[in-house]
Amino acid sequence: MQPSEFSMHGAVDLGARKAALEREAKRQAEAASGTANPYAVDVTEENFQRDVLERSLQAPVVLVLLAGWSGESKQTEQALDKLATEAQGQWLLAKVDAEASPQLAQALRAQGVPALYLTLGGQIQPLAAGPMNEDQLRDLLSQVFAALRQQGVLPQDYTGVGPAQPAEQEQEPQRDPVQAEAAEAVQRGDFAAAEAAYTAALEKDPGNGDYTMGLAQVRLLARVRDLDVNAIRKAAADDPADVDAQCAVADLDMYGGKVEDAFARLVATVRRTGDEDRDRARKHLLGLFEVLPAGDPRVAKARRNLTSALF
């Protein structure tokens, strides 16, 4: 089973199949006419992990929930296609058809369509709901990417809206060779190779925050990719003292963007356990801290709670 909060079970009704076929026909027509957005992908339950969660480890993924019957969805989709094309691959536009993927739409907890989310580092955050025109979307994304630059999550030369560099600068920014090697390994599913790349780099540069965060993200992805979500959650609920189960559920929460839930679960586990079990929960929590930038306020809050639990 895929390691996601998004349940993939259940029959797809005929209406959903029809919607999926219509969207595929539209995509093929755009590709044939040369009008397709090269930086967009249609997402279903089947490819959500690969094309949204895993790809968000390398670059932001703007996720939009749409419906074919909604004129407001079409307006928002057209505006996002234009912005994604202008951004020239700085972020991927992932489109979810609520009719074709009703379970995914339900898992996203959208109150309506269109709905906009940002996925980065395997974590999904809601951005906006309701119709937005091009100017509104440009302003929103500009603010989001600016905030992420200030937090050190994105590089300072990342624009996210418009070309990555002024037109007169023809040279492309150099990719960090370590991160490039790790990204290629993740894309082919070789998480051990990605971990080895970051580990070797950190031996030479122990203070590199980007490598530390990359290593933590790869390790998290490797841990959750084959978990049975329902079984793990049941085991954790049945036995709060089962440290392995509590750590696994915390991983799933972290992977699904429920950062504070993950931290709170492990702090509670530290409080209720002792000796080796307590230390395992503590170390696991410290490892999850490294998935986020060091200055993330959620990490600072969880560190204070952990100190209180220990002493």
C-alpha atoms as a PDB file:
ATOM      1  CA  MET A   1       0.000   0.000   0.000  1.00  0.00           C
ATOM      2  CA  GLN A   2       1.235   3.488  -0.765  1.00  0.00           C
ATOM      3  CA  PRO A   3       2.458   5.526   2.241  1.00  0.00           C
ATOM      4  CA  SER A   4      -0.082   8.286   2.083  1.00  0.00           C
ATOM      5  CA  GLU A   5      -2.980   9.637   4.038  1.00  0.00           C
ATOM      6  CA  PHE A   6      -4.933   9.448   0.814  1.00  0.00           C
ATOM      7  CA  SER A   7      -6.870   6.191   0.791  1.00  0.00           C
ATOM      8  CA  MET A   8      -6.714   4.549  -2.619  1.00  0.00           C
ATOM      9  CA  HIS A   9      -9.469   1.994  -2.090  1.00  0.00           C
ATOM     10  CA  GLY A  10     -13.026   1.962  -3.396  1.00  0.00           C
ATOM     11  CA  ALA A  11     -14.762   1.686  -6.721  1.00  0.00           C
ATOM     12  CA  VAL A  12     -14.672   4.505  -9.243  1.00  0.00           C
ATOM     13  CA  ASP A  13     -18.133   5.305 -10.578  1.00  0.00           C
ATOM     14  CA  LEU A  14     -18.994   5.789 -14.226  1.00  0.00           C
ATOM     15  CA  GLY A  15     -19.181   9.544 -13.846  1.00  0.00           C
ATOM     16  CA  ALA A  16     -15.652   9.630 -12.521  1.00  0.00           C
ATOM     17  CA  ARG A  17     -14.433   7.467 -15.389  1.00  0.00           C
ATOM     18  CA  LYS A  18     -16.121   9.755 -17.880  1.00  0.00           C
ATOM     19  CA  ALA A  19     -14.492  12.809 -16.303  1.00  0.00           C
ATOM     20  CA  ALA A  20     -11.091  11.163 -16.413  1.00  0.00           C
ATOM     21  CA  LEU A  21     -11.505  10.238 -20.069  1.00  0.00           C
ATOM     22  CA  GLU A  22     -12.582  13.763 -20.954  1.00  0.00           C
ATOM     23  CA  ARG A  23      -9.551  15.263 -19.234  1.00  0.00           C
ATOM     24  CA  GLU A  24      -7.236  12.808 -20.977  1.00  0.00           C
ATOM     25  CA  ALA A  25      -8.788  13.665 -24.336  1.00  0.00           C
ATOM     26  CA  LYS A  26      -8.294  17.362 -23.602  1.00  0.00           C
ATOM     27  CA  ARG A  27      -4.669  16.781 -22.663  1.00  0.00           C
ATOM     28  CA  GLN A  28      -3.976  14.823 -25.840  1.00  0.00           C
ATOM     29  CA  ALA A  29      -5.607  17.527 -27.960  1.00  0.00           C
ATOM     30  CA  GLU A  30      -3.460  20.214 -26.341  1.00  0.00           C
ATOM     31  CA  ALA A  31      -0.324  18.128 -26.860  1.00  0.00           C
ATOM     32  CA  ALA A  32      -1.168  17.598 -30.535  1.00  0.00           C
ATOM     33  CA  SER A  33      -1.774  21.311 -31.082  1.00  0.00           C
ATOM     34  CA  GLY A  34       1.360  22.383 -29.230  1.00  0.00           C
ATOM     35  CA  THR A  35      -0.607  24.321 -26.602  1.00  0.00           C
ATOM     36  CA  ALA A  36      -0.038  21.926 -23.695  1.00  0.00           C
ATOM     37  CA  ASN A  37       1.670  23.245 -20.570  1.00  0.00           C
ATOM     38  CA  PRO A  38       4.988  21.337 -20.343  1.00  0.00           C
ATOM     39  CA  TYR A  39       5.156  22.024 -16.608  1.00  0.00           C
ATOM     40  CA  ALA A  40       1.793  20.505 -15.690  1.00  0.00           C
ATOM     41  CA  VAL A  41       0.653  16.975 -14.898  1.00  0.00           C
ATOM     42  CA  ASP A  42      -2.781  15.449 -14.344  1.00  0.00           C
ATOM     43  CA  VAL A  43      -2.858  13.674 -10.999  1.00  0.00           C
ATOM     44  CA  THR A  44      -4.936  10.750  -9.761  1.00  0.00           C
ATOM     45  CA  GLU A  45      -4.670   8.465  -6.752  1.00  0.00           C
ATOM     46  CA  GLU A  46      -2.361   6.221  -8.765  1.00  0.00           C
ATOM     47  CA  ASN A  47       0.366   8.794  -9.466  1.00  0.00           C
ATOM     48  CA  PHE A  48      -0.148  11.175  -6.535  1.00  0.00           C
ATOM     49  CA  GLN A  49       2.816   9.898  -4.550  1.00  0.00           C
ATOM     50  CA  ARG A  50       5.218   9.900  -7.498  1.00  0.00           C
ATOM     51  CA  ASP A  51       4.190  13.125  -9.228  1.00  0.00           C
ATOM     52  CA  VAL A  52       3.288  15.237  -6.196  1.00  0.00           C
ATOM     53  CA  LEU A  53       4.854  14.034  -2.949  1.00  0.00           C
ATOM     54  CA  GLU A  54       8.124  12.652  -4.302  1.00  0.00           C
ATOM     55  CA  ARG A  55       8.650  15.413  -6.869  1.00  0.00           C
ATOM     56  CA  SER A  56       8.081  18.006  -4.156  1.00  0.00           C
ATOM     57  CA  LEU A  57      11.333  16.862  -2.555  1.00  0.00           C
ATOM     58  CA  GLN A  58      13.170  18.572  -5.419  1.00  0.00           C
ATOM     59  CA  ALA A  59      10.948  21.546  -6.303  1.00  0.00           C
ATOM     60  CA  PRO A  60       7.643  23.096  -5.217  1.00  0.00           C
ATOM     61  CA  VAL A  61       4.476  21.520  -6.581  1.00  0.00           C
ATOM     62  CA  VAL A  62       1.425  23.764  -6.871  1.00  0.00           C
ATOM     63  CA  LEU A  63      -1.572  21.459  -6.520  1.00  0.00           C
ATOM     64  CA  VAL A  64      -4.995  22.569  -7.761  1.00  0.00           C
ATOM     65  CA  LEU A  65      -8.305  20.771  -7.306  1.00  0.00           C
ATOM     66  CA  LEU A  66     -10.641  21.323 -10.259  1.00  0.00           C
ATOM     67  CA  ALA A  67     -13.978  20.189 -11.662  1.00  0.00           C
ATOM     68  CA  GLY A  68     -14.897  19.973 -15.326  1.00  0.00           C
ATOM     69  CA  TRP A  69     -18.365  21.427 -14.752  1.00  0.00           C
ATOM     70  CA  SER A  70     -17.003  24.529 -13.028  1.00  0.00           C
ATOM     71  CA  GLY A  71     -16.345  27.624 -15.104  1.00  0.00           C
ATOM     72  CA  GLU A  72     -14.420  29.060 -12.158  1.00  0.00           C
ATOM     73  CA  SER A  73     -12.150  25.985 -12.242  1.00  0.00           C
ATOM     74  CA  LYS A  74     -11.431  26.551 -15.924  1.00  0.00           C
ATOM     75  CA  GLN A  75     -10.525  30.195 -15.282  1.00  0.00           C
ATOM     76  CA  THR A  76      -8.183  29.255 -12.455  1.00  0.00           C
ATOM     77  CA  GLU A  77      -6.615  26.431 -14.448  1.00  0.00           C
ATOM     78  CA  GLN A  78      -5.903  28.683 -17.431  1.00  0.00           C
ATOM     79  CA  ALA A  79      -4.295  31.306 -15.204  1.00  0.00           C
ATOM     80  CA  LEU A  80      -2.123  28.714 -13.444  1.00  0.00           C
ATOM     81  CA  ASP A  81      -1.065  27.203 -16.778  1.00  0.00           C
ATOM     82  CA  LYS A  82       0.124  30.631 -17.893  1.00  0.00           C
ATOM     83  CA  LEU A  83       2.003  31.295 -14.655  1.00  0.00           C
ATOM     84  CA  ALA A  84       3.635  27.845 -14.674  1.00  0.00           C
ATOM     85  CA  THR A  85       4.788  28.355 -18.251  1.00  0.00           C
ATOM     86  CA  GLU A  86       6.189  31.782 -17.396  1.00  0.00           C
ATOM     87  CA  ALA A  87       8.038  30.281 -14.411  1.00  0.00           C
ATOM     88  CA  GLN A  88       9.826  27.920 -16.820  1.00  0.00           C
ATOM     89  CA  GLY A  89       9.833  24.861 -14.601  1.00  0.00           C
ATOM     90  CA  GLN A  90      10.593  26.456 -11.244  1.00  0.00           C
ATOM     91  CA  TRP A  91       7.498  24.654  -9.965  1.00  0.00           C
ATOM     92  CA  LEU A  92       5.246  21.892 -11.210  1.00  0.00           C
ATOM     93  CA  LEU A  93       1.513  22.390 -11.631  1.00  0.00           C
ATOM     94  CA  ALA A  94      -0.384  19.285 -10.502  1.00  0.00           C
ATOM     95  CA  LYS A  95      -4.059  19.154 -11.492  1.00  0.00           C
ATOM     96  CA  VAL A  96      -6.581  16.980  -9.664  1.00  0.00           C
ATOM     97  CA  ASP A  97     -10.006  16.454 -11.221  1.00  0.00           C
ATOM     98  CA  ALA A  98     -12.462  16.152  -8.335  1.00  0.00           C
ATOM     99  CA  GLU A  99     -14.834  14.085 -10.495  1.00  0.00           C
ATOM    100  CA  ALA A 100     -12.158  11.676 -11.706  1.00  0.00           C
ATOM    101  CA  SER A 101     -10.523  11.319  -8.269  1.00  0.00           C
ATOM    102  CA  PRO A 102     -13.257  11.789  -5.636  1.00  0.00           C
ATOM    103  CA  GLN A 103     -11.314  10.007  -2.890  1.00  0.00           C
ATOM    104  CA  LEU A 104      -8.307  12.226  -3.427  1.00  0.00           C
ATOM    105  CA  ALA A 105     -10.540  15.289  -3.354  1.00  0.00           C
ATOM    106  CA  GLN A 106     -12.032  14.083  -0.073  1.00  0.00           C
ATOM    107  CA  ALA A 107      -8.593  13.440   1.402  1.00  0.00           C
ATOM    108  CA  LEU A 108      -7.566  17.005   0.557  1.00  0.00           C
ATOM    109  CA  ARG A 109     -10.537  18.197   2.670  1.00  0.00           C
ATOM    110  CA  ALA A 110     -11.503  20.822   0.139  1.00  0.00           C
ATOM    111  CA  GLN A 111     -14.660  22.786   0.829  1.00  0.00           C
ATOM    112  CA  GLY A 112     -15.195  23.370  -2.880  1.00  0.00           C
ATOM    113  CA  VAL A 113     -13.504  23.894  -6.216  1.00  0.00           C
ATOM    114  CA  PRO A 114     -11.201  25.309  -7.264  1.00  0.00           C
ATOM    115  CA  ALA A 115      -8.853  24.826  -4.308  1.00  0.00           C
ATOM    116  CA  LEU A 116      -5.124  25.543  -4.263  1.00  0.00           C
ATOM    117  CA  TYR A 117      -2.334  23.854  -2.263  1.00  0.00           C
ATOM    118  CA  LEU A 118       1.455  23.980  -2.111  1.00  0.00           C
ATOM    119  CA  THR A 119       3.453  20.788  -1.720  1.00  0.00           C
ATOM    120  CA  LEU A 120       7.111  21.060  -0.726  1.00  0.00           C
ATOM    121  CA  GLY A 121       9.336  18.501   0.929  1.00  0.00           C
ATOM    122  CA  GLY A 122       6.481  15.991   0.835  1.00  0.00           C
ATOM    123  CA  GLN A 123       4.235  18.280   2.887  1.00  0.00           C
ATOM    124  CA  ILE A 124       0.918  19.686   1.674  1.00  0.00           C
ATOM    125  CA  GLN A 125      -0.297  23.096   2.784  1.00  0.00           C
ATOM    126  CA  PRO A 126      -3.583  24.709   1.698  1.00  0.00           C
ATOM    127  CA  LEU A 127      -3.154  28.111   0.038  1.00  0.00           C
ATOM    128  CA  ALA A 128      -6.568  29.319  -1.105  1.00  0.00           C
ATOM    129  CA  ALA A 129     -10.071  28.234  -2.028  1.00  0.00           C
ATOM    130  CA  GLY A 130     -12.442  29.707  -4.575  1.00  0.00           C
ATOM    131  CA  PRO A 131     -11.922  31.340  -7.958  1.00  0.00           C
ATOM    132  CA  MET A 132      -8.844  33.480  -8.543  1.00  0.00           C
ATOM    133  CA  ASN A 133      -7.772  35.397 -11.613  1.00  0.00           C
ATOM    134  CA  GLU A 134      -4.246  35.620 -12.976  1.00  0.00           C
ATOM    135  CA  ASP A 135      -3.293  38.740 -11.020  1.00  0.00           C
ATOM    136  CA  GLN A 136      -4.585  37.310  -7.746  1.00  0.00           C
ATOM    137  CA  LEU A 137      -2.732  34.045  -8.279  1.00  0.00           C
ATOM    138  CA  ARG A 138       0.460  35.859  -9.223  1.00  0.00           C
ATOM    139  CA  ASP A 139       0.292  37.971  -6.052  1.00  0.00           C
ATOM    140  CA  LEU A 140      -0.473  34.932  -3.867  1.00  0.00           C
ATOM    141  CA  LEU A 141       2.340  32.799  -5.253  1.00  0.00           C
ATOM    142  CA  SER A 142       4.776  35.720  -5.108  1.00  0.00           C
ATOM    143  CA  GLN A 143       4.032  36.151  -1.402  1.00  0.00           C
ATOM    144  CA  VAL A 144       4.322  32.414  -0.695  1.00  0.00           C
ATOM    145  CA  PHE A 145       7.641  32.039  -2.512  1.00  0.00           C
ATOM    146  CA  ALA A 146       9.014  35.235  -0.909  1.00  0.00           C
ATOM    147  CA  ALA A 147       8.205  33.872   2.546  1.00  0.00           C
ATOM    148  CA  LEU A 148       9.916  30.582   1.738  1.00  0.00           C
ATOM    149  CA  ARG A 149      12.999  32.442   0.528  1.00  0.00           C
ATOM    150  CA  GLN A 150      13.135  34.405   3.770  1.00  0.00           C
ATOM    151  CA  GLN A 151      12.923  31.168   5.751  1.00  0.00           C
ATOM    152  CA  GLY A 152      15.787  29.706   3.742  1.00  0.00           C
ATOM    153  CA  VAL A 153      13.607  26.952   2.303  1.00  0.00           C
ATOM    154  CA  LEU A 154      14.093  28.237  -1.258  1.00  0.00           C
ATOM    155  CA  PRO A 155      17.275  29.802  -2.703  1.00  0.00           C
ATOM    156  CA  GLN A 156      17.511  33.590  -2.807  1.00  0.00           C
ATOM    157  CA  ASP A 157      17.514  33.698  -6.615  1.00  0.00           C
ATOM    158  CA  TYR A 158      14.275  31.726  -6.818  1.00  0.00           C
ATOM    159  CA  THR A 159      11.453  33.855  -8.192  1.00  0.00           C
ATOM    160  CA  GLY A 160       8.698  31.296  -8.753  1.00  0.00           C
ATOM    161  CA  VAL A 161       6.755  33.808 -10.836  1.00  0.00           C
ATOM    162  CA  GLY A 162       8.240  34.810 -14.169  1.00  0.00           C
ATOM    163  CA  PRO A 163      11.652  33.668 -15.453  1.00  0.00           C
ATOM    164  CA  ALA A 164      14.133  32.462 -12.887  1.00  0.00           C
ATOM    165  CA  GLN A 165      16.681  35.035 -14.122  1.00  0.00           C
ATOM    166  CA  PRO A 166      16.562  38.272 -16.099  1.00  0.00           C
ATOM    167  CA  ALA A 167      16.441  37.615 -19.827  1.00  0.00           C
ATOM    168  CA  GLU A 168      19.898  39.112 -20.403  1.00  0.00           C
ATOM    169  CA  GLN A 169      21.457  36.472 -18.147  1.00  0.00           C
ATOM    170  CA  GLU A 170      21.763  33.438 -20.357  1.00  0.00           C
ATOM    171  CA  GLN A 171      23.744  31.215 -18.020  1.00  0.00           C
ATOM    172  CA  GLU A 172      21.739  28.787 -15.927  1.00  0.00           C
ATOM    173  CA  PRO A 173      22.329  28.660 -12.187  1.00  0.00           C
ATOM    174  CA  GLN A 174      24.528  25.751 -11.232  1.00  0.00           C
ATOM    175  CA  ARG A 175      22.833  22.847  -9.486  1.00  0.00           C
ATOM    176  CA  ASP A 176      24.469  21.578  -6.372  1.00  0.00           C
ATOM    177  CA  PRO A 177      26.065  18.295  -7.531  1.00  0.00           C
ATOM    178  CA  VAL A 178      25.194  16.501  -4.289  1.00  0.00           C
ATOM    179  CA  GLN A 179      21.543  17.486  -4.433  1.00  0.00           C
ATOM    180  CA  ALA A 180      21.439  16.683  -8.151  1.00  0.00           C
ATOM    181  CA  GLU A 181      22.843  13.198  -7.500  1.00  0.00           C
ATOM    182  CA  ALA A 182      20.375  12.608  -4.666  1.00  0.00           C
ATOM    183  CA  ALA A 183      17.450  13.887  -6.737  1.00  0.00           C
ATOM    184  CA  GLU A 184      18.288  11.542  -9.604  1.00  0.00           C
ATOM    185  CA  ALA A 185      18.516   8.631  -7.168  1.00  0.00           C
ATOM    186  CA  VAL A 186      15.119   9.459  -5.668  1.00  0.00           C
ATOM    187  CA  GLN A 187      13.553   9.703  -9.110  1.00  0.00           C
ATOM    188  CA  ARG A 188      14.657   6.166  -9.936  1.00  0.00           C
ATOM    189  CA  GLY A 189      13.540   4.905  -6.525  1.00  0.00           C
ATOM    190  CA  ASP A 190      17.045   4.286  -5.156  1.00  0.00           C
ATOM    191  CA  PHE A 191      16.730   5.877  -1.729  1.00  0.00           C
ATOM    192  CA  ALA A 192      19.856   4.131  -0.434  1.00  0.00           C
ATOM    193  CA  ALA A 193      21.938   5.881  -3.100  1.00  0.00           C
ATOM    194  CA  ALA A 194      20.349   9.227  -2.266  1.00  0.00           C
ATOM    195  CA  GLU A 195      21.091   8.721   1.420  1.00  0.00           C
ATOM    196  CA  ALA A 196      24.676   7.739   0.622  1.00  0.00           C
ATOM    197  CA  ALA A 197      25.176  10.905  -1.431  1.00  0.00           C
ATOM    198  CA  TYR A 198      24.032  13.145   1.398  1.00  0.00           C
ATOM    199  CA  THR A 199      25.930  11.155   4.042  1.00  0.00           C
ATOM    200  CA  ALA A 200      29.207  11.410   2.121  1.00  0.00           C
ATOM    201  CA  ALA A 201      28.690  15.128   1.565  1.00  0.00           C
ATOM    202  CA  LEU A 202      27.988  15.739   5.257  1.00  0.00           C
ATOM    203  CA  GLU A 203      31.224  13.979   6.220  1.00  0.00           C
ATOM    204  CA  LYS A 204      33.053  16.677   4.247  1.00  0.00           C
ATOM    205  CA  ASP A 205      30.726  19.542   5.234  1.00  0.00           C
ATOM    206  CA  PRO A 206      29.021  18.666   8.549  1.00  0.00           C
ATOM    207  CA  GLY A 207      27.422  22.067   8.977  1.00  0.00           C
ATOM    208  CA  ASN A 208      25.595  22.141   5.650  1.00  0.00           C
ATOM    209  CA  GLY A 209      21.920  22.654   6.516  1.00  0.00           C
ATOM    210  CA  ASP A 210      20.686  21.829   3.013  1.00  0.00           C
ATOM    211  CA  TYR A 211      22.386  18.443   3.071  1.00  0.00           C
ATOM    212  CA  THR A 212      21.134  17.724   6.596  1.00  0.00           C
ATOM    213  CA  MET A 213      17.571  18.519   5.578  1.00  0.00           C
ATOM    214  CA  GLY A 214      17.891  16.559   2.324  1.00  0.00           C
ATOM    215  CA  LEU A 215      19.174  13.492   4.169  1.00  0.00           C
ATOM    216  CA  ALA A 216      16.329  13.662   6.691  1.00  0.00           C
ATOM    217  CA  GLN A 217      13.742  13.980   3.908  1.00  0.00           C
ATOM    218  CA  VAL A 218      15.150  11.022   1.982  1.00  0.00           C
ATOM    219  CA  ARG A 219      15.197   8.869   5.111  1.00  0.00           C
ATOM    220  CA  LEU A 220      11.607   9.826   5.883  1.00  0.00           C
ATOM    221  CA  LEU A 221      10.484   8.950   2.371  1.00  0.00           C
ATOM    222  CA  ALA A 222      12.278   5.606   2.522  1.00  0.00           C
ATOM    223  CA  ARG A 223      10.622   4.747   5.840  1.00  0.00           C
ATOM    224  CA  VAL A 224       7.059   5.501   4.801  1.00  0.00           C
ATOM    225  CA  ARG A 225       6.998   4.281   1.206  1.00  0.00           C
ATOM    226  CA  ASP A 226       5.949   0.702   2.061  1.00  0.00           C
ATOM    227  CA  LEU A 227       3.940   1.267   5.237  1.00  0.00           C
ATOM    228  CA  ASP A 228       0.395  -0.027   5.571  1.00  0.00           C
ATOM    229  CA  VAL A 229      -1.278   3.140   6.843  1.00  0.00           C
ATOM    230  CA  ASN A 230      -4.363   1.519   8.378  1.00  0.00           C
ATOM    231  CA  ALA A 231      -2.422  -1.252  10.113  1.00  0.00           C
ATOM    232  CA  ILE A 232       0.146   1.136  11.549  1.00  0.00           C
ATOM    233  CA  ARG A 233      -2.461   3.564  12.846  1.00  0.00           C
ATOM    234  CA  LYS A 234      -4.413   0.712  14.441  1.00  0.00           C
ATOM    235  CA  ALA A 235      -1.285  -0.628  16.143  1.00  0.00           C
ATOM    236  CA  ALA A 236      -0.479   2.824  17.536  1.00  0.00           C
ATOM    237  CA  ALA A 237      -4.058   3.315  18.783  1.00  0.00           C
ATOM    238  CA  ASP A 238      -4.200  -0.146  20.356  1.00  0.00           C
ATOM    239  CA  ASP A 239      -0.912   0.236  22.227  1.00  0.00           C
ATOM    240  CA  PRO A 240       0.233   3.787  23.059  1.00  0.00           C
ATOM    241  CA  ALA A 241       3.424   2.304  24.531  1.00  0.00           C
ATOM    242  CA  ASP A 242       4.424   0.718  21.203  1.00  0.00           C
ATOM    243  CA  VAL A 243       7.274   3.084  20.309  1.00  0.00           C
ATOM    244  CA  ASP A 244       7.800   1.633  16.839  1.00  0.00           C
ATOM    245  CA  ALA A 245       4.146   2.180  15.947  1.00  0.00           C
ATOM    246  CA  GLN A 246       4.126   5.706  17.389  1.00  0.00           C
ATOM    247  CA  CYS A 247       7.258   6.599  15.413  1.00  0.00           C
ATOM    248  CA  ALA A 248       5.750   5.164  12.220  1.00  0.00           C
ATOM    249  CA  VAL A 249       2.536   7.161  12.616  1.00  0.00           C
ATOM    250  CA  ALA A 250       4.592  10.281  13.313  1.00  0.00           C
ATOM    251  CA  ASP A 251       6.429   9.611  10.045  1.00  0.00           C
ATOM    252  CA  LEU A 252       3.120   9.329   8.192  1.00  0.00           C
ATOM    253  CA  ASP A 253       1.880  12.578   9.725  1.00  0.00           C
ATOM    254  CA  MET A 254       5.114  14.340   8.828  1.00  0.00           C
ATOM    255  CA  TYR A 255       4.949  12.983   5.292  1.00  0.00           C
ATOM    256  CA  GLY A 256       1.356  14.140   4.957  1.00  0.00           C
ATOM    257  CA  GLY A 257       2.110  17.669   6.183  1.00  0.00           C
ATOM    258  CA  LYS A 258       0.692  17.230   9.701  1.00  0.00           C
ATOM    259  CA  VAL A 259       3.922  18.448  11.258  1.00  0.00           C
ATOM    260  CA  GLU A 260       2.561  19.535  14.618  1.00  0.00           C
ATOM    261  CA  ASP A 261       0.628  16.267  15.017  1.00  0.00           C
ATOM    262  CA  ALA A 262       3.811  14.287  14.367  1.00  0.00           C
ATOM    263  CA  PHE A 263       5.793  16.294  16.911  1.00  0.00           C
ATOM    264  CA  ALA A 264       3.039  16.163  19.536  1.00  0.00           C
ATOM    265  CA  ARG A 265       2.700  12.372  19.194  1.00  0.00           C
ATOM    266  CA  LEU A 266       6.391  11.784  19.851  1.00  0.00           C
ATOM    267  CA  VAL A 267       6.554  14.267  22.733  1.00  0.00           C
ATOM    268  CA  ALA A 268       3.637  12.395  24.311  1.00  0.00           C
ATOM    269  CA  THR A 269       5.459   9.106  23.716  1.00  0.00           C
ATOM    270  CA  VAL A 270       8.533  10.482  25.481  1.00  0.00           C
ATOM    271  CA  ARG A 271       6.343  11.476  28.448  1.00  0.00           C
ATOM    272  CA  ARG A 272       4.733   8.052  28.843  1.00  0.00           C
ATOM    273  CA  THR A 273       7.789   5.838  28.287  1.00  0.00           C
ATOM    274  CA  GLY A 274      11.127   5.340  29.978  1.00  0.00           C
ATOM    275  CA  ASP A 275      14.669   4.077  29.533  1.00  0.00           C
ATOM    276  CA  GLU A 276      15.473   2.773  26.031  1.00  0.00           C
ATOM    277  CA  ASP A 277      11.951   3.295  24.685  1.00  0.00           C
ATOM    278  CA  ARG A 278      11.996   6.895  25.789  1.00  0.00           C
ATOM    279  CA  ASP A 279      15.380   7.466  24.195  1.00  0.00           C
ATOM    280  CA  ARG A 280      14.265   5.902  20.894  1.00  0.00           C
ATOM    281  CA  ALA A 281      11.236   8.205  20.753  1.00  0.00           C
ATOM    282  CA  ARG A 282      13.416  11.205  21.577  1.00  0.00           C
ATOM    283  CA  LYS A 283      15.974  10.396  18.871  1.00  0.00           C
ATOM    284  CA  HIS A 284      13.258   9.812  16.305  1.00  0.00           C
ATOM    285  CA  LEU A 285      11.761  13.201  17.089  1.00  0.00           C
ATOM    286  CA  LEU A 286      15.157  14.873  16.720  1.00  0.00           C
ATOM    287  CA  GLY A 287      15.469  13.223  13.319  1.00  0.00           C
ATOM    288  CA  LEU A 288      12.107  14.626  12.230  1.00  0.00           C
ATOM    289  CA  PHE A 289      13.205  18.112  13.300  1.00  0.00           C
ATOM    290  CA  GLU A 290      15.855  17.930  10.570  1.00  0.00           C
ATOM    291  CA  VAL A 291      13.210  17.476   7.863  1.00  0.00           C
ATOM    292  CA  LEU A 292      12.370  21.181   8.300  1.00  0.00           C
ATOM    293  CA  PRO A 293      14.608  24.256   8.176  1.00  0.00           C
ATOM    294  CA  ALA A 294      16.323  24.976  11.478  1.00  0.00           C
ATOM    295  CA  GLY A 295      14.429  28.245  11.908  1.00  0.00           C
ATOM    296  CA  ASP A 296      10.966  26.738  11.508  1.00  0.00           C
ATOM    297  CA  PRO A 297       8.858  27.942  14.480  1.00  0.00           C
ATOM    298  CA  ARG A 298       7.186  24.537  14.769  1.00  0.00           C
ATOM    299  CA  VAL A 299      10.562  22.984  15.490  1.00  0.00           C
ATOM    300  CA  ALA A 300      11.334  25.572  18.157  1.00  0.00           C
ATOM    301  CA  LYS A 301       7.981  24.949  19.859  1.00  0.00           C
ATOM    302  CA  ALA A 302       8.436  21.163  19.756  1.00  0.00           C
ATOM    303  CA  ARG A 303      11.948  21.470  21.191  1.00  0.00           C
ATOM    304  CA  ARG A 304      10.535  23.369  24.163  1.00  0.00           C
ATOM    305  CA  ASN A 305       7.849  20.713  24.645  1.00  0.00           C
ATOM    306  CA  LEU A 306      10.448  17.950  24.422  1.00  0.00           C
ATOM    307  CA  THR A 307      12.570  19.612  27.096  1.00  0.00           C
ATOM    308  CA  SER A 308       9.529  19.853  29.335  1.00  0.00           C
ATOM    309  CA  ALA A 309       8.734  16.178  28.760  1.00  0.00           C
ATOM    310  CA  LEU A 310      12.285  15.108  29.592  1.00  0.00           C
ATOM    311  CA  PHE A 311      12.678  17.210  32.715  1.00  0.00           C
END
